[in-house]
């Protein structure tokens, strides 16, 4: 029997939408529809950010998360919901006085960072075990995520019964995550997600993947993904090394050079690639079992 691989589709990210891609999901309806499209193509998990419907830019409005989650749940379509929990830690220093934040900085206390998790109780949520430089084009900032806030967030995940997907962007992040595990702040088995190719973080390629895999705790669950043109090569490397995989328009907007993709097309290609490697995609029910997820009651009004 072939190994079951959990396939996540990250349907829309928080960066500026590509100006020439006409189908980046923006509104709650579009984001929910993209999750359903990914489910129809066989994705196990939908990873969800939300955007301001007017500007298309990243949003942390919990009402937008509510609408996306409610729309998905109302259809009865089965897919594991994974909400981002990376907002509220962005610091843009004034270059004339770097102690002073520029407009656009958002440093929230932990309860505000996690309000959409509390309201919607997803089975899974991404949890950034990282801090540091961020650059998207000419936009520069610091991701201001202290060990103190990370510990507080870990405790809150435990209280809510939501499994954190430990997103690590470099090798030191893995060391920090292992310290959280040692302190009893992460319920087992821990789930790691390695992000490769973000500017100023771990580079992409088989060597960084192998090195970071060697740092992981022996009994953990893990996955990895690559950015842009490295999306499918990293998927193949990760799957062959025993990990779980991710695709989607958050990470890569192209099907081939100059040809824009949809989330459904990226999921379909990932399934074909995994099939060629002698592997198969886990159903949402199988993903819950593999990841040790708790099926929770929907949000109560």
Protein backbone atom coordinates (compact mmCIF):
# COMPACT_ATOMS: atom_id res chain seq x y z
CA UNK A 1 0.00 0.00 0.00
CA UNK A 2 1.36 3.44 -0.93
CA UNK A 3 2.15 5.95 1.80
CA UNK A 4 -0.51 8.57 2.41
CA UNK A 5 0.75 12.13 2.02
CA UNK A 6 -1.19 15.10 3.41
CA UNK A 7 -1.55 17.71 0.66
CA UNK A 8 -2.26 21.29 1.78
CA UNK A 9 -3.45 24.00 -0.58
CA UNK A 10 -2.60 27.54 0.56
CA UNK A 11 -5.24 29.32 -1.49
CA UNK A 12 -4.26 32.97 -0.99
CA UNK A 13 -1.50 34.64 0.98
CA UNK A 14 -0.99 37.97 2.67
CA UNK A 15 1.31 39.60 0.14
CA UNK A 16 0.21 42.00 -2.56
CA UNK A 17 -1.73 40.11 -5.23
CA UNK A 18 0.10 39.72 -8.53
CA UNK A 19 -1.00 42.72 -10.64
CA UNK A 20 -1.49 40.63 -13.80
CA UNK A 21 -3.08 37.54 -12.25
CA UNK A 22 -6.79 38.10 -12.52
CA UNK A 23 -7.94 35.26 -10.28
CA UNK A 24 -6.18 35.67 -6.93
CA UNK A 25 -8.90 35.04 -4.31
CA UNK A 26 -9.71 38.31 -2.55
CA UNK A 27 -13.22 38.31 -1.09
CA UNK A 28 -14.44 35.79 1.49
CA UNK A 29 -16.64 34.20 -1.18
CA UNK A 30 -13.70 33.85 -3.57
CA UNK A 31 -11.43 32.44 -0.85
CA UNK A 32 -14.06 29.92 0.25
CA UNK A 33 -14.69 28.93 -3.38
CA UNK A 34 -10.94 28.38 -3.85
CA UNK A 35 -10.89 26.09 -0.81
CA UNK A 36 -13.78 24.11 -2.29
CA UNK A 37 -11.98 23.98 -5.66
CA UNK A 38 -8.92 22.57 -3.91
CA UNK A 39 -11.11 20.03 -2.11
CA UNK A 40 -12.68 18.89 -5.38
CA UNK A 41 -9.21 18.27 -6.79
CA UNK A 42 -8.37 16.17 -3.74
CA UNK A 43 -6.51 18.48 -1.34
CA UNK A 44 -6.46 17.26 2.26
CA UNK A 45 -6.12 20.67 3.95
CA UNK A 46 -6.98 24.28 3.04
CA UNK A 47 -4.63 26.91 4.49
CA UNK A 48 -6.44 30.23 4.74
CA UNK A 49 -5.51 33.91 4.91
CA UNK A 50 -8.05 36.69 4.35
CA UNK A 51 -7.82 39.95 2.42
CA UNK A 52 -9.51 43.31 2.57
CA UNK A 53 -12.21 43.01 -0.12
CA UNK A 54 -11.74 46.65 -1.10
CA UNK A 55 -7.95 46.84 -1.36
CA UNK A 56 -6.99 43.19 -1.87
CA UNK A 57 -4.32 43.55 0.83
CA UNK A 58 -3.84 41.27 3.83
CA UNK A 59 -6.38 41.62 6.63
CA UNK A 60 -6.66 40.36 10.19
CA UNK A 61 -10.39 41.16 10.50
CA UNK A 62 -11.89 38.20 12.38
CA UNK A 63 -15.27 38.76 10.69
CA UNK A 64 -13.65 37.94 7.33
CA UNK A 65 -12.26 34.68 8.74
CA UNK A 66 -15.71 33.94 10.17
CA UNK A 67 -17.33 34.36 6.76
CA UNK A 68 -14.81 32.17 4.95
CA UNK A 69 -15.06 29.38 7.52
CA UNK A 70 -18.86 29.57 7.69
CA UNK A 71 -19.12 29.40 3.91
CA UNK A 72 -16.94 26.29 3.76
CA UNK A 73 -18.71 24.54 6.63
CA UNK A 74 -22.16 25.36 5.23
CA UNK A 75 -21.43 23.38 2.05
CA UNK A 76 -20.72 20.15 3.91
CA UNK A 77 -17.60 19.63 1.75
CA UNK A 78 -14.96 17.84 3.79
CA UNK A 79 -11.57 19.51 3.99
CA UNK A 80 -9.37 20.22 7.01
CA UNK A 81 -9.41 23.96 7.77
CA UNK A 82 -6.05 25.50 8.64
CA UNK A 83 -6.18 29.20 9.56
CA UNK A 84 -3.12 31.40 9.55
CA UNK A 85 -2.10 32.80 12.94
CA UNK A 86 0.73 35.01 11.71
CA UNK A 87 -0.81 38.46 11.98
CA UNK A 88 -0.10 41.19 14.47
CA UNK A 89 3.70 40.98 14.54
CA UNK A 90 4.84 43.35 11.80
CA UNK A 91 7.10 46.29 12.62
CA UNK A 92 8.07 48.83 9.96
CA UNK A 93 10.77 51.10 11.39
CA UNK A 94 11.08 54.70 10.29
CA UNK A 95 14.48 54.84 8.51
CA UNK A 96 15.11 58.26 10.11
CA UNK A 97 14.46 56.88 13.60
CA UNK A 98 14.16 53.10 13.76
CA UNK A 99 12.62 53.23 17.24
CA UNK A 100 9.54 54.79 15.64
CA UNK A 101 7.05 52.63 13.72
CA UNK A 102 5.80 53.66 10.29
CA UNK A 103 2.13 53.36 9.31
CA UNK A 104 1.35 49.76 8.51
CA UNK A 105 3.09 48.42 11.60
CA UNK A 106 0.87 46.03 13.55
CA UNK A 107 2.10 44.71 16.88
CA UNK A 108 -0.81 43.08 18.68
CA UNK A 109 -1.07 41.44 22.09
CA UNK A 110 -1.53 37.68 21.92
CA UNK A 111 -5.31 37.65 22.58
CA UNK A 112 -5.87 39.92 19.57
CA UNK A 113 -3.57 37.80 17.41
CA UNK A 114 -5.62 34.71 18.22
CA UNK A 115 -9.19 36.04 18.27
CA UNK A 116 -10.12 34.43 14.90
CA UNK A 117 -8.80 31.09 16.18
CA UNK A 118 -10.96 31.31 19.30
CA UNK A 119 -14.04 32.26 17.26
CA UNK A 120 -13.73 29.54 14.62
CA UNK A 121 -11.87 26.69 16.37
CA UNK A 122 -10.20 25.25 13.27
CA UNK A 123 -8.66 21.81 13.54
CA UNK A 124 -5.28 23.24 12.57
CA UNK A 125 -3.60 26.66 12.56
CA UNK A 126 -0.21 27.82 11.34
CA UNK A 127 2.02 29.08 14.16
CA UNK A 128 5.13 31.02 13.08
CA UNK A 129 8.09 30.04 15.26
CA UNK A 130 10.18 32.81 13.77
CA UNK A 131 11.17 36.45 13.78
CA UNK A 132 13.37 38.56 11.57
CA UNK A 133 13.73 40.39 8.28
CA UNK A 134 10.91 40.58 5.75
CA UNK A 135 11.20 42.08 2.29
CA UNK A 136 8.63 41.98 -0.50
CA UNK A 137 9.81 44.12 -3.40
CA UNK A 138 10.56 47.53 -1.91
CA UNK A 139 8.55 46.79 1.25
CA UNK A 140 10.85 46.13 4.23
CA UNK A 141 9.85 45.26 7.77
CA UNK A 142 10.68 43.15 10.79
CA UNK A 143 8.55 40.22 11.87
CA UNK A 144 8.46 41.00 15.58
CA UNK A 145 7.63 37.68 17.21
CA UNK A 146 9.30 37.37 20.61
CA UNK A 147 9.92 34.09 22.48
CA UNK A 148 7.58 35.43 25.18
CA UNK A 149 4.67 35.91 22.76
CA UNK A 150 5.40 32.55 21.15
CA UNK A 151 5.16 30.83 24.54
CA UNK A 152 1.87 32.60 25.31
CA UNK A 153 0.45 31.57 21.95
CA UNK A 154 1.53 27.96 22.47
CA UNK A 155 -0.32 27.86 25.79
CA UNK A 156 -3.44 29.27 24.18
CA UNK A 157 -3.37 26.67 21.41
CA UNK A 158 -3.32 23.99 24.11
CA UNK A 159 -6.27 25.58 25.93
CA UNK A 160 -8.32 25.79 22.73
CA UNK A 161 -7.50 22.27 21.57
CA UNK A 162 -6.31 23.56 18.18
CA UNK A 163 -3.23 21.82 16.80
CA UNK A 164 -0.46 24.27 15.88
CA UNK A 165 1.40 23.74 12.63
CA UNK A 166 4.88 24.90 13.66
CA UNK A 167 6.05 26.98 10.71
CA UNK A 168 9.83 27.26 10.72
CA UNK A 169 11.69 29.51 8.31
CA UNK A 170 15.27 28.67 9.30
CA UNK A 171 17.25 26.18 11.37
CA UNK A 172 17.24 28.29 14.55
CA UNK A 173 13.44 28.28 14.47
CA UNK A 174 13.52 24.50 14.80
CA UNK A 175 15.77 24.80 17.86
CA UNK A 176 13.29 27.24 19.43
CA UNK A 177 10.35 24.94 18.63
CA UNK A 178 12.15 22.01 20.25
CA UNK A 179 12.57 24.13 23.39
CA UNK A 180 8.80 24.76 23.43
CA UNK A 181 8.25 21.02 23.17
CA UNK A 182 10.69 20.39 26.03
CA UNK A 183 8.74 22.90 28.18
CA UNK A 184 5.52 20.96 27.55
CA UNK A 185 3.97 23.79 25.53
CA UNK A 186 3.32 21.74 22.39
CA UNK A 187 1.11 18.69 22.60
CA UNK A 188 2.43 15.67 20.73
CA UNK A 189 3.13 14.58 18.22
CA UNK A 190 4.38 18.02 17.10
CA UNK A 191 3.77 19.03 13.49
CA UNK A 192 6.52 21.01 11.74
CA UNK A 193 6.18 22.88 8.44
CA UNK A 194 9.46 23.98 6.83
CA UNK A 195 9.24 27.09 4.65
CA UNK A 196 12.02 27.30 2.06
CA UNK A 197 12.86 30.22 -0.21
CA UNK A 198 11.48 33.24 1.65
CA UNK A 199 13.94 36.12 1.19
CA UNK A 200 16.48 36.38 4.04
CA UNK A 201 15.32 33.06 5.49
CA UNK A 202 16.33 29.46 4.73
CA UNK A 203 17.16 29.08 1.02
CA UNK A 204 15.40 26.52 -1.09
CA UNK A 205 16.94 23.29 -2.37
CA UNK A 206 17.62 19.74 -1.26
CA UNK A 207 20.61 20.63 0.95
CA UNK A 208 18.72 23.03 3.28
CA UNK A 209 15.83 20.56 3.36
CA UNK A 210 18.07 17.67 4.37
CA UNK A 211 19.92 19.75 6.98
CA UNK A 212 16.74 21.01 8.62
CA UNK A 213 15.09 17.60 8.54
CA UNK A 214 18.07 16.34 10.52
CA UNK A 215 17.31 18.87 13.28
CA UNK A 216 13.72 17.74 13.77
CA UNK A 217 12.67 15.73 16.83
CA UNK A 218 12.63 11.99 16.05
CA UNK A 219 8.92 11.40 16.60
CA UNK A 220 7.50 14.51 14.95
CA UNK A 221 5.27 14.94 11.93
CA UNK A 222 6.68 17.22 9.27
CA UNK A 223 6.25 18.80 5.88
CA UNK A 224 7.95 21.40 3.70
CA UNK A 225 7.25 23.62 0.75
CA UNK A 226 9.15 25.83 -1.68
CA UNK A 227 8.37 29.26 -3.07
CA UNK A 228 7.81 30.11 -6.75
CA UNK A 229 9.43 27.79 -9.30
CA UNK A 230 10.73 25.57 -6.49
CA UNK A 231 7.21 24.57 -5.45
CA UNK A 232 7.07 21.25 -7.32
CA UNK A 233 10.76 20.25 -6.92
CA UNK A 234 10.53 20.73 -3.14
CA UNK A 235 7.24 18.83 -3.14
CA UNK A 236 8.97 15.86 -4.78
CA UNK A 237 11.99 16.00 -2.45
CA UNK A 238 9.78 16.30 0.63
CA UNK A 239 7.48 13.47 -0.35
CA UNK A 240 10.37 11.11 -1.10
CA UNK A 241 11.97 11.96 2.25
CA UNK A 242 8.78 11.04 4.13
CA UNK A 243 7.22 14.46 4.62
CA UNK A 244 3.90 16.08 3.80
CA UNK A 245 3.47 18.70 1.11
CA UNK A 246 1.89 22.03 0.18
CA UNK A 247 1.03 23.96 -2.99
CA UNK A 248 -1.19 26.94 -3.75
CA UNK A 249 -1.34 30.52 -4.95
CA UNK A 250 0.10 31.82 -1.68
CA UNK A 251 3.43 30.28 -2.64
CA UNK A 252 3.44 30.23 -6.45
CA UNK A 253 1.14 31.84 -9.03
CA UNK A 254 2.46 30.06 -12.14
CA UNK A 255 1.62 26.74 -13.76
CA UNK A 256 4.55 27.18 -16.14
CA UNK A 257 6.65 30.11 -17.28
CA UNK A 258 4.28 32.96 -18.12
CA UNK A 259 1.15 30.84 -17.54
CA UNK A 260 -0.87 31.73 -14.45
CA UNK A 261 -2.25 28.89 -12.34
CA UNK A 262 -5.39 28.28 -10.34
CA UNK A 263 -5.38 26.52 -6.99
CA UNK A 264 -7.18 23.57 -8.55
CA UNK A 265 -4.53 23.20 -11.24
CA UNK A 266 -1.72 23.24 -8.69
CA UNK A 267 -3.45 20.60 -6.55
CA UNK A 268 -4.07 18.43 -9.64
CA UNK A 269 -0.42 18.69 -10.66
CA UNK A 270 0.73 17.82 -7.14
CA UNK A 271 -1.52 14.75 -7.12
CA UNK A 272 -0.12 13.61 -10.47
CA UNK A 273 3.45 14.07 -9.26
CA UNK A 274 2.80 12.16 -6.05
CA UNK A 275 1.15 9.38 -8.05
CA UNK A 276 4.23 9.16 -10.29
CA UNK A 277 6.34 8.76 -7.14
CA UNK A 278 4.19 5.85 -5.97
CA UNK A 279 2.48 7.87 -3.26
CA UNK A 280 -1.16 8.84 -2.69
CA UNK A 281 -2.91 11.87 -1.25
CA UNK A 282 -4.60 11.47 2.13
CA UNK A 283 -8.29 12.18 2.34
CA UNK A 284 -9.31 14.81 4.90
CA UNK A 285 -10.37 11.99 7.24
CA UNK A 286 -7.00 10.29 6.81
CA UNK A 287 -5.22 13.64 7.33
CA UNK A 288 -7.01 14.05 10.67
CA UNK A 289 -5.79 10.65 11.74
CA UNK A 290 -2.22 11.22 10.52
CA UNK A 291 -1.97 14.65 12.17
CA UNK A 292 -3.86 13.64 15.37
CA UNK A 293 -6.43 16.40 14.94
CA UNK A 294 -9.47 17.07 17.10
CA UNK A 295 -12.75 17.56 15.26
CA UNK A 296 -14.27 20.58 17.02
CA UNK A 297 -17.76 22.07 17.12
CA UNK A 298 -18.34 24.93 14.68
CA UNK A 299 -18.26 28.47 15.99
CA UNK A 300 -21.30 29.33 18.10
CA UNK A 301 -22.98 32.68 17.63
